[in-house]
PDB file of N, CA and C in Angstrom:
ATOM      1  N   MET A   1     -23.383 -16.463  16.646  1.00  0.00           N
ATOM      2  CA  MET A   1     -22.962 -15.433  17.784  1.00  0.00           C
ATOM      3  C   MET A   1     -23.744 -14.293  17.875  1.00  0.00           C
ATOM      4  N   LYS A   2     -24.674 -13.644  16.826  1.00  0.00           N
ATOM      5  CA  LYS A   2     -25.388 -12.728  17.048  1.00  0.00           C
ATOM      6  C   LYS A   2     -26.410 -12.646  18.216  1.00  0.00           C
ATOM      7  N   ARG A   3     -26.764 -13.872  18.723  1.00  0.00           N
ATOM      8  CA  ARG A   3     -27.749 -14.107  19.860  1.00  0.00           C
ATOM      9  C   ARG A   3     -27.084 -13.945  21.047  1.00  0.00           C
ATOM     10  N   LEU A   4     -25.587 -13.868  21.453  1.00  0.00           N
ATOM     11  CA  LEU A   4     -24.967 -13.548  22.588  1.00  0.00           C
ATOM     12  C   LEU A   4     -24.792 -12.240  22.970  1.00  0.00           C
ATOM     13  N   ASN A   5     -25.160 -11.695  24.055  1.00  0.00           N
ATOM     14  CA  ASN A   5     -24.758 -10.751  24.462  1.00  0.00           C
ATOM     15  C   ASN A   5     -23.024 -10.021  24.707  1.00  0.00           C
ATOM     16  N   ALA A   6     -22.813  -8.794  24.834  1.00  0.00           N
ATOM     17  CA  ALA A   6     -21.474  -8.573  24.218  1.00  0.00           C
ATOM     18  C   ALA A   6     -20.784  -9.048  25.484  1.00  0.00           C
ATOM     19  N   ALA A   7     -21.123  -8.982  26.802  1.00  0.00           N
ATOM     20  CA  ALA A   7     -20.585  -9.598  27.948  1.00  0.00           C
ATOM     21  C   ALA A   7     -19.919 -11.257  27.959  1.00  0.00           C
ATOM     22  N   SER A   8     -20.988 -11.774  27.519  1.00  0.00           N
ATOM     23  CA  SER A   8     -20.905 -13.345  27.166  1.00  0.00           C
ATOM     24  C   SER A   8     -19.582 -13.575  26.057  1.00  0.00           C
ATOM     25  N   LYS A   9     -19.732 -12.357  25.006  1.00  0.00           N
ATOM     26  CA  LYS A   9     -18.760 -12.829  23.890  1.00  0.00           C
ATOM     27  C   LYS A   9     -17.571 -12.567  24.663  1.00  0.00           C
ATOM     28  N   LEU A  10     -17.449 -11.377  25.422  1.00  0.00           N
ATOM     29  CA  LEU A  10     -16.209 -11.191  25.997  1.00  0.00           C
ATOM     30  C   LEU A  10     -15.351 -12.158  26.921  1.00  0.00           C
ATOM     31  N   GLN A  11     -16.280 -12.752  27.725  1.00  0.00           N
ATOM     32  CA  GLN A  11     -16.056 -13.916  28.811  1.00  0.00           C
ATOM     33  C   GLN A  11     -15.182 -15.065  27.606  1.00  0.00           C
ATOM     34  N   ILE A  12     -15.946 -15.747  26.444  1.00  0.00           N
ATOM     35  CA  ILE A  12     -15.489 -16.619  25.362  1.00  0.00           C
ATOM     36  C   ILE A  12     -14.146 -15.959  25.133  1.00  0.00           C
ATOM     37  N   TYR A  13     -14.031 -14.727  24.785  1.00  0.00           N
ATOM     38  CA  TYR A  13     -12.511 -14.248  24.180  1.00  0.00           C
ATOM     39  C   TYR A  13     -11.559 -14.171  25.323  1.00  0.00           C
ATOM     40  N   ARG A  14     -11.896 -13.766  26.661  1.00  0.00           N
ATOM     41  CA  ARG A  14     -11.056 -13.974  27.502  1.00  0.00           C
ATOM     42  C   ARG A  14     -10.403 -15.351  27.980  1.00  0.00           C
ATOM     43  N   SER A  15     -11.650 -16.414  27.911  1.00  0.00           N
ATOM     44  CA  SER A  15     -11.587 -17.464  28.168  1.00  0.00           C
ATOM     45  C   SER A  15     -11.172 -18.708  27.500  1.00  0.00           C
ATOM     46  N   ILE A  16     -11.249 -18.661  26.151  1.00  0.00           N
ATOM     47  CA  ILE A  16     -10.648 -19.221  25.043  1.00  0.00           C
ATOM     48  C   ILE A  16     -10.200 -18.684  24.086  1.00  0.00           C
ATOM     49  N   ILE A  17     -10.034 -17.530  23.611  1.00  0.00           N
ATOM     50  CA  ILE A  17      -9.303 -17.258  22.179  1.00  0.00           C
ATOM     51  C   ILE A  17      -8.235 -16.204  22.349  1.00  0.00           C
ATOM     52  N   ARG A  18      -8.160 -15.448  23.701  1.00  0.00           N
ATOM     53  CA  ARG A  18      -6.912 -14.941  24.187  1.00  0.00           C
ATOM     54  C   ARG A  18      -5.941 -16.009  24.476  1.00  0.00           C
ATOM     55  N   PRO A  19      -6.218 -16.997  25.570  1.00  0.00           N
ATOM     56  CA  PRO A  19      -5.303 -18.231  25.689  1.00  0.00           C
ATOM     57  C   PRO A  19      -4.651 -19.010  24.422  1.00  0.00           C
ATOM     58  N   ILE A  20      -5.756 -19.143  23.601  1.00  0.00           N
ATOM     59  CA  ILE A  20      -4.957 -19.849  22.493  1.00  0.00           C
ATOM     60  C   ILE A  20      -4.052 -19.235  21.653  1.00  0.00           C
ATOM     61  N   VAL A  21      -4.278 -17.871  21.484  1.00  0.00           N
ATOM     62  CA  VAL A  21      -3.494 -16.885  20.523  1.00  0.00           C
ATOM     63  C   VAL A  21      -2.325 -16.732  21.306  1.00  0.00           C
ATOM     64  N   THR A  22      -2.215 -16.604  22.737  1.00  0.00           N
ATOM     65  CA  THR A  22      -1.130 -15.945  23.505  1.00  0.00           C
ATOM     66  C   THR A  22      -0.133 -17.491  23.968  1.00  0.00           C
ATOM     67  N   TYR A  23      -0.409 -18.632  23.443  1.00  0.00           N
ATOM     68  CA  TYR A  23       0.228 -19.627  24.070  1.00  0.00           C
ATOM     69  C   TYR A  23       1.492 -19.836  23.669  1.00  0.00           C
ATOM     70  N   GLY A  24       2.495 -20.157  24.830  1.00  0.00           N
ATOM     71  CA  GLY A  24       3.720 -19.809  24.486  1.00  0.00           C
ATOM     72  C   GLY A  24       4.410 -18.532  24.167  1.00  0.00           C
ATOM     73  N   CYS A  25       3.579 -17.595  24.512  1.00  0.00           N
ATOM     74  CA  CYS A  25       3.982 -16.009  24.323  1.00  0.00           C
ATOM     75  C   CYS A  25       5.358 -16.051  25.197  1.00  0.00           C
ATOM     76  N   GLU A  26       5.772 -16.913  26.271  1.00  0.00           N
ATOM     77  CA  GLU A  26       7.095 -16.565  27.119  1.00  0.00           C
ATOM     78  C   GLU A  26       8.321 -16.888  26.306  1.00  0.00           C
ATOM     79  N   THR A  27       8.068 -17.653  25.130  1.00  0.00           N
ATOM     80  CA  THR A  27       9.638 -18.092  24.573  1.00  0.00           C
ATOM     81  C   THR A  27       9.280 -16.959  23.240  1.00  0.00           C
ATOM     82  N   TRP A  28       8.258 -16.252  23.079  1.00  0.00           N
ATOM     83  CA  TRP A  28       8.693 -15.498  22.153  1.00  0.00           C
ATOM     84  C   TRP A  28       9.472 -14.178  21.920  1.00  0.00           C
ATOM     85  N   ALA A  29      10.102 -14.095  20.644  1.00  0.00           N
ATOM     86  CA  ALA A  29      11.016 -12.869  20.694  1.00  0.00           C
ATOM     87  C   ALA A  29      10.256 -12.061  20.278  1.00  0.00           C
ATOM     88  N   MET A  30       9.373 -11.028  20.802  1.00  0.00           N
ATOM     89  CA  MET A  30       8.217 -10.237  20.269  1.00  0.00           C
ATOM     90  C   MET A  30       8.922  -8.813  19.571  1.00  0.00           C
ATOM     91  N   THR A  31       8.856  -8.892  18.569  1.00  0.00           N
ATOM     92  CA  THR A  31       9.222  -7.479  17.789  1.00  0.00           C
ATOM     93  C   THR A  31       7.927  -6.833  17.574  1.00  0.00           C
ATOM     94  N   VAL A  32       8.206  -5.671  16.841  1.00  0.00           N
ATOM     95  CA  VAL A  32       7.145  -4.315  16.585  1.00  0.00           C
ATOM     96  C   VAL A  32       6.169  -4.828  15.974  1.00  0.00           C
ATOM     97  N   THR A  33       6.737  -5.880  14.901  1.00  0.00           N
ATOM     98  CA  THR A  33       5.603  -6.255  13.672  1.00  0.00           C
ATOM     99  C   THR A  33       4.526  -7.066  14.441  1.00  0.00           C
ATOM    100  N   ASP A  34       5.091  -7.957  15.251  1.00  0.00           N
ATOM    101  CA  ASP A  34       4.333  -8.858  16.105  1.00  0.00           C
ATOM    102  C   ASP A  34       3.489  -8.390  16.934  1.00  0.00           C
ATOM    103  N   GLN A  35       3.938  -7.372  17.516  1.00  0.00           N
ATOM    104  CA  GLN A  35       3.110  -6.412  18.633  1.00  0.00           C
ATOM    105  C   GLN A  35       1.761  -5.896  17.719  1.00  0.00           C
ATOM    106  N   ASN A  36       2.229  -5.463  16.477  1.00  0.00           N
ATOM    107  CA  ASN A  36       1.257  -4.829  15.487  1.00  0.00           C
ATOM    108  C   ASN A  36       0.170  -5.574  15.244  1.00  0.00           C
ATOM    109  N   ARG A  37       0.625  -6.907  14.760  1.00  0.00           N
ATOM    110  CA  ARG A  37      -0.203  -7.649  14.498  1.00  0.00           C
ATOM    111  C   ARG A  37      -1.288  -8.469  15.561  1.00  0.00           C
ATOM    112  N   LEU A  38      -0.575  -8.480  16.749  1.00  0.00           N
ATOM    113  CA  LEU A  38      -1.399  -8.700  18.033  1.00  0.00           C
ATOM    114  C   LEU A  38      -2.687  -7.467  18.148  1.00  0.00           C
ATOM    115  N   LEU A  39      -2.221  -6.678  18.349  1.00  0.00           N
ATOM    116  CA  LEU A  39      -3.105  -5.395  18.313  1.00  0.00           C
ATOM    117  C   LEU A  39      -4.277  -5.624  17.361  1.00  0.00           C
ATOM    118  N   VAL A  40      -3.944  -5.492  15.864  1.00  0.00           N
ATOM    119  CA  VAL A  40      -4.679  -5.852  15.080  1.00  0.00           C
ATOM    120  C   VAL A  40      -6.233  -6.775  15.238  1.00  0.00           C
ATOM    121  N   PHE A  41      -5.091  -8.180  15.716  1.00  0.00           N
ATOM    122  CA  PHE A  41      -6.258  -8.758  15.734  1.00  0.00           C
ATOM    123  C   PHE A  41      -7.161  -8.852  16.980  1.00  0.00           C
ATOM    124  N   GLY A  42      -6.596  -8.189  17.989  1.00  0.00           N
ATOM    125  CA  GLY A  42      -7.505  -7.839  19.356  1.00  0.00           C
ATOM    126  C   GLY A  42      -8.435  -6.830  19.066  1.00  0.00           C
ATOM    127  N   ARG A  43      -8.063  -5.679  17.877  1.00  0.00           N
ATOM    128  CA  ARG A  43      -9.026  -4.647  17.455  1.00  0.00           C
ATOM    129  C   ARG A  43     -10.271  -5.139  16.991  1.00  0.00           C
ATOM    130  N   ARG A  44      -9.652  -6.230  15.806  1.00  0.00           N
ATOM    131  CA  ARG A  44     -10.709  -6.770  15.159  1.00  0.00           C
ATOM    132  C   ARG A  44     -11.877  -7.855  16.004  1.00  0.00           C
ATOM    133  N   VAL A  45     -11.176  -8.465  16.617  1.00  0.00           N
ATOM    134  CA  VAL A  45     -12.073  -9.560  17.508  1.00  0.00           C
ATOM    135  C   VAL A  45     -13.416  -8.579  18.229  1.00  0.00           C
ATOM    136  N   HIS A  46     -12.576  -7.380  18.810  1.00  0.00           N
ATOM    137  CA  HIS A  46     -13.461  -6.469  19.718  1.00  0.00           C
ATOM    138  C   HIS A  46     -14.277  -5.320  19.431  1.00  0.00           C
ATOM    139  N   ARG A  47     -14.191  -5.334  18.030  1.00  0.00           N
ATOM    140  CA  ARG A  47     -14.622  -4.825  16.901  1.00  0.00           C
ATOM    141  C   ARG A  47     -16.282  -5.800  16.638  1.00  0.00           C
ATOM    142  N   LYS A  48     -15.977  -6.825  16.716  1.00  0.00           N
ATOM    143  CA  LYS A  48     -17.042  -8.072  16.108  1.00  0.00           C
ATOM    144  C   LYS A  48     -17.686  -8.099  17.765  1.00  0.00           C
ATOM    145  N   ILE A  49     -17.115  -7.788  18.539  1.00  0.00           N
ATOM    146  CA  ILE A  49     -17.739  -7.910  19.927  1.00  0.00           C
ATOM    147  C   ILE A  49     -19.044  -6.978  20.428  1.00  0.00           C
ATOM    148  N   TYR A  50     -18.343  -5.919  20.168  1.00  0.00           N
ATOM    149  CA  TYR A  50     -18.872  -4.374  20.309  1.00  0.00           C
ATOM    150  C   TYR A  50     -19.854  -3.849  19.537  1.00  0.00           C
ATOM    151  N   GLY A  51     -19.478  -4.543  17.990  1.00  0.00           N
ATOM    152  CA  GLY A  51     -20.280  -3.840  17.259  1.00  0.00           C
ATOM    153  C   GLY A  51     -20.372  -2.643  16.358  1.00  0.00           C
ATOM    154  N   PRO A  52     -21.127  -2.022  15.431  1.00  0.00           N
ATOM    155  CA  PRO A  52     -20.955  -0.892  14.730  1.00  0.00           C
ATOM    156  C   PRO A  52     -21.656   0.498  15.620  1.00  0.00           C
ATOM    157  N   VAL A  53     -21.254   1.674  15.305  1.00  0.00           N
ATOM    158  CA  VAL A  53     -22.086   2.742  16.253  1.00  0.00           C
ATOM    159  C   VAL A  53     -22.414   3.185  15.444  1.00  0.00           C
ATOM    160  N   GLN A  54     -23.877   3.948  15.671  1.00  0.00           N
ATOM    161  CA  GLN A  54     -24.579   4.833  14.777  1.00  0.00           C
ATOM    162  C   GLN A  54     -24.379   6.429  15.142  1.00  0.00           C
ATOM    163  N   ASP A  55     -24.063   7.306  14.397  1.00  0.00           N
ATOM    164  CA  ASP A  55     -23.611   8.539  14.397  1.00  0.00           C
ATOM    165  C   ASP A  55     -24.822   9.325  14.445  1.00  0.00           C
ATOM    166  N   ASN A  56     -24.732  10.566  14.734  1.00  0.00           N
ATOM    167  CA  ASN A  56     -25.909  11.511  15.078  1.00  0.00           C
ATOM    168  C   ASN A  56     -26.932  11.510  13.526  1.00  0.00           C
ATOM    169  N   ASP A  57     -26.217  11.533  12.596  1.00  0.00           N
ATOM    170  CA  ASP A  57     -27.061  11.781  11.274  1.00  0.00           C
ATOM    171  C   ASP A  57     -27.648  10.486  10.716  1.00  0.00           C
ATOM    172  N   GLY A  58     -27.127   9.173  11.607  1.00  0.00           N
ATOM    173  CA  GLY A  58     -28.321   7.993  11.331  1.00  0.00           C
ATOM    174  C   GLY A  58     -27.024   7.106  10.551  1.00  0.00           C
ATOM    175  N   ALA A  59     -25.899   7.416  10.328  1.00  0.00           N
ATOM    176  CA  ALA A  59     -25.256   6.372   9.578  1.00  0.00           C
ATOM    177  C   ALA A  59     -24.605   5.458  10.368  1.00  0.00           C
ATOM    178  N   TRP A  60     -23.915   4.265  10.408  1.00  0.00           N
ATOM    179  CA  TRP A  60     -23.354   3.166  10.803  1.00  0.00           C
ATOM    180  C   TRP A  60     -21.748   3.393  10.827  1.00  0.00           C
ATOM    181  N   ARG A  61     -20.751   3.456  11.517  1.00  0.00           N
ATOM    182  CA  ARG A  61     -19.787   2.990  11.236  1.00  0.00           C
ATOM    183  C   ARG A  61     -19.098   2.169  12.501  1.00  0.00           C
ATOM    184  N   ILE A  62     -18.001   2.015  11.786  1.00  0.00           N
ATOM    185  CA  ILE A  62     -17.066   1.014  13.279  1.00  0.00           C
ATOM    186  C   ILE A  62     -16.291   1.839  13.996  1.00  0.00           C
ATOM    187  N   LYS A  63     -16.435   1.255  15.327  1.00  0.00           N
ATOM    188  CA  LYS A  63     -15.573   1.987  16.233  1.00  0.00           C
ATOM    189  C   LYS A  63     -14.057   2.532  15.868  1.00  0.00           C
ATOM    190  N   THR A  64     -13.961   3.402  16.295  1.00  0.00           N
ATOM    191  CA  THR A  64     -12.464   4.032  16.377  1.00  0.00           C
ATOM    192  C   THR A  64     -11.558   2.968  17.300  1.00  0.00           C
ATOM    193  N   ASN A  65     -10.165   3.077  16.870  1.00  0.00           N
ATOM    194  CA  ASN A  65      -9.102   2.278  17.561  1.00  0.00           C
ATOM    195  C   ASN A  65      -9.129   2.842  19.251  1.00  0.00           C
ATOM    196  N   GLU A  66      -9.549   4.649  19.296  1.00  0.00           N
ATOM    197  CA  GLU A  66      -9.520   4.799  20.839  1.00  0.00           C
ATOM    198  C   GLU A  66     -10.690   4.783  21.440  1.00  0.00           C
ATOM    199  N   GLU A  67     -11.871   4.393  20.539  1.00  0.00           N
ATOM    200  CA  GLU A  67     -13.060   3.863  21.321  1.00  0.00           C
ATOM    201  C   GLU A  67     -13.112   2.395  21.998  1.00  0.00           C
ATOM    202  N   LEU A  68     -12.411   1.573  20.976  1.00  0.00           N
ATOM    203  CA  LEU A  68     -12.049   0.211  21.815  1.00  0.00           C
ATOM    204  C   LEU A  68     -11.279   0.537  23.021  1.00  0.00           C
ATOM    205  N   GLU A  69     -10.018   1.075  22.721  1.00  0.00           N
ATOM    206  CA  GLU A  69      -9.199   1.201  24.147  1.00  0.00           C
ATOM    207  C   GLU A  69     -10.413   1.640  25.138  1.00  0.00           C
ATOM    208  N   ASN A  70     -10.958   2.680  25.132  1.00  0.00           N
ATOM    209  CA  ASN A  70     -11.826   3.134  26.077  1.00  0.00           C
ATOM    210  C   ASN A  70     -12.718   2.188  26.880  1.00  0.00           C
ATOM    211  N   LEU A  71     -13.398   1.126  26.107  1.00  0.00           N
ATOM    212  CA  LEU A  71     -14.329   0.213  26.180  1.00  0.00           C
ATOM    213  C   LEU A  71     -13.482  -0.955  26.846  1.00  0.00           C
ATOM    214  N   ILE A  72     -12.119  -1.339  26.489  1.00  0.00           N
ATOM    215  CA  ILE A  72     -11.594  -2.681  26.975  1.00  0.00           C
ATOM    216  C   ILE A  72     -10.812  -1.693  28.145  1.00  0.00           C
ATOM    217  N   LYS A  73     -10.571  -0.730  28.688  1.00  0.00           N
ATOM    218  CA  LYS A  73      -9.763  -0.256  29.692  1.00  0.00           C
ATOM    219  C   LYS A  73      -8.488  -0.421  29.370  1.00  0.00           C
ATOM    220  N   LYS A  74      -7.754  -0.338  28.179  1.00  0.00           N
ATOM    221  CA  LYS A  74      -6.473  -0.190  28.043  1.00  0.00           C
ATOM    222  C   LYS A  74      -5.998  -1.948  28.318  1.00  0.00           C
ATOM    223  N   LYS A  75      -6.666  -2.680  28.283  1.00  0.00           N
ATOM    224  CA  LYS A  75      -6.188  -4.175  28.526  1.00  0.00           C
ATOM    225  C   LYS A  75      -6.042  -4.710  27.527  1.00  0.00           C
ATOM    226  N   ASN A  76      -5.323  -4.503  26.309  1.00  0.00           N
ATOM    227  CA  ASN A  76      -5.344  -5.063  25.247  1.00  0.00           C
ATOM    228  C   ASN A  76      -4.472  -6.493  25.518  1.00  0.00           C
ATOM    229  N   ILE A  77      -4.097  -7.174  24.182  1.00  0.00           N
ATOM    230  CA  ILE A  77      -3.425  -8.373  24.214  1.00  0.00           C
ATOM    231  C   ILE A  77      -2.033  -8.425  24.387  1.00  0.00           C
ATOM    232  N   VAL A  78      -1.290  -7.197  23.994  1.00  0.00           N
ATOM    233  CA  VAL A  78      -0.035  -7.062  24.265  1.00  0.00           C
ATOM    234  C   VAL A  78       0.085  -6.760  25.368  1.00  0.00           C
ATOM    235  N   ARG A  79      -0.835  -6.003  26.249  1.00  0.00           N
ATOM    236  CA  ARG A  79      -0.568  -5.917  27.911  1.00  0.00           C
ATOM    237  C   ARG A  79      -0.627  -7.081  28.475  1.00  0.00           C
ATOM    238  N   PHE A  80      -1.471  -8.067  27.929  1.00  0.00           N
ATOM    239  CA  PHE A  80      -2.013  -9.049  28.259  1.00  0.00           C
ATOM    240  C   PHE A  80      -0.711 -10.335  28.658  1.00  0.00           C
ATOM    241  N   ILE A  81       0.038  -9.973  27.432  1.00  0.00           N
ATOM    242  CA  ILE A  81       1.368 -10.736  27.338  1.00  0.00           C
ATOM    243  C   ILE A  81       2.393 -10.479  28.280  1.00  0.00           C
TER     244      ILE A  81
END
């Protein structure tokens, strides 16, 4: 997956992965624990898609939750459901 750009990876996520994960969500009794697990899964996938960021001092780090929310424009998997 390293050879695909972020736009292609997002398209794969939106068209294949997200529908598989949310299949049957209309029948779920969504609890806070379920929401948190889905949000963690979504952030993990988006961190893989967007990759790490390099700080001013040259150190690499993962993106924060707020940075990910800004990148996906608050369209997380729980809001999709």
